[in-house]
Amino acid sequence: MQQYDVIIIGSGLGSLACGAILGKYGYRVCLFEKNRQIGGCLQTYSRDKAIIDSGVHYIGGLAEGQTLHKVFRYLGVIDNMKLQRMDMDGFDHISFGNEQHVYKIAQGRDNFIRQLLADFPKEKEALHAYLHKLEEVCSKFPLFNLRLGGAAEKESVMGEEVSAFLRSVTNNERLQNVLAGNNMLYAGYPDRTPLYVHALVQHSYIESAWKCVDGGSIIARSLNKTIRAQGGEIIRHTEVKAIVEKDGKVSHIELEDGREVEGKYFISGLHPARTIGMVKGDGLRNAYKSRISALENTPGTFMINIVLKPGTFPYLNHNVYHHATSNAWEGIHYTADNWPQTYAIFVSASTGKEKYADNLSIMTYMRYEDVAQWHDTFNTDDKPHERDASYQAFKKEKAEKLLDVVSQQYPYLRSCIHAMYVATPLTYRDYLNIPEGSMYGIVKDAREPLKSMIPAATRLPNLYLTGQNLNLHGILGVTMSAVLTCAGLVDMETLVEDINRS
């Protein structure tokens, strides 16, 4: 039986970051990944010579001196990344209904205010109050500022709700909706989504917003290199089927082929519900299992990845968030008749494609119930089982419907399409092992803020969790959650000092 210091299940960003961090402190780590490609949402794939991102469309907080830049430097990632800073005067463009006007979300505190004042000249006080509150809330999360602090700090702001906050700073409903205009970044629910989720996400992009040129998989490849240089291993095409408990702690894992692998510590980057479902033993209380399993997940994603004809679609150094109505929150509550109510467009940055883009992605919400009739199917590159004709027809119908909506704002788009590749919640469920293909994991609810906060440590003393469900999703959130997970095995003060010194 093979034995390691730390066994890590999955190879998403959280798992890779944990492996890279713990390797620096002498732990012999081994990651097990069920797919051919590592990285989870960091994966890219190539179609018709275009490199298509599966999930990383832009990243915030990567300027020198900012939190993610420091952590990525510490992890050996930042020098390998080819980055392009997005439009300083508007990295996100927000629009509504049939209006041609766009509202721009800009980088930098002063520039953010200056750009929105052009559209809302009477709202200077409100914009300053908005940014002040974002900064205040973010300061309550010590780890996101690479300092030590207690849980009471962040708990003091976790019960505030974002749409109520926006109403408190301005009576201008259009400004409220512009400030919430990119809420697809966190699957925002009015009267539920906590302010801290909005603040941590939005503030990081206002600090600085970047695209990865030629895809975000360079992050996974860099972490892979760091892990292997430290003596760690990443084993692909190998699914973990069970986490086996013995005498009150985890003793080993069981692989799909029947092999058993021992470890001293175990970290799972999978959704917590998936993790606890794999545990064989009685060490986890039934009440804990029931609570985790009952937590609501955010809706899934319907994504069209489009390869463009050369020289047809101008490269956009910004993202587009469009809403069918004047209410930026309505998209998540779509019906069968009015889908889609919102969409986002992300244009990929590719080497040598500065004038015209070679691919883009269009994203909107899709609940799992929309694809539930194919629940018992499974399809990945490693285990191909092509779904039936009804599913293919469903994808085509939905893709055409979404394109019809997008074409109202971009009437020339259809003529630019060379090929389309469509993903549904089933795609994300199968490749990433996420329940119901959820976009951002467990729903955060300001009404019950602690209910959805899941500690990295479990009742099994050598089993830990990591990933987007612990604190916050996204590149920044998952990376910082990995730091928190590693604090169970490494002194937190030492770890934070080492990151800051890097």
Foldseek 3Di string as FASTA:
>chain_A
DAEFAEEEEAQAPLRLLLLLLVLVVPGAYEYEAQAPAGHQQQDWDDDPNAIGGNHPQKFFQCDPPGQVVLSCVLSQQPVLFDKDFFDQLAQEWEAEALDLDTQGQHADLVSRLVRVCVVVVPQSQLSVVVLVVLVQQCVLDQLSVLHDDDPVSNVVQLLAAQLVVLVVSDVPLLVSQNLCLVVVVPLDAPQWAGPNQSSVVSVRVNNTMIAGASGSCSRSVSSQVSSVVSVYYYHYSKHFQAFEDDPQATAWTAIPVGDTYGHNFYEYAAQVLVHVVRYDDPNADPVVNVLSVPFDFAFAKKKKKFFWDPPQAFAHSHKYKYANHSHSNCQSVDDPVDPGGIKMKRFHHYPPQNTHGGIIMIMGGDGLVVVVVCVPDADDPVDHDDDDPVVVVVSVVNVVVVVVVVCSNVVCVVVTGPDIDIDILRNSCRNRVAVSSGPQTGRATSNCRVSQADAQAGSNLRYGYAAQSHAHHDPSNRSSRSLRNCCSVPPSVVSSVSSVVD
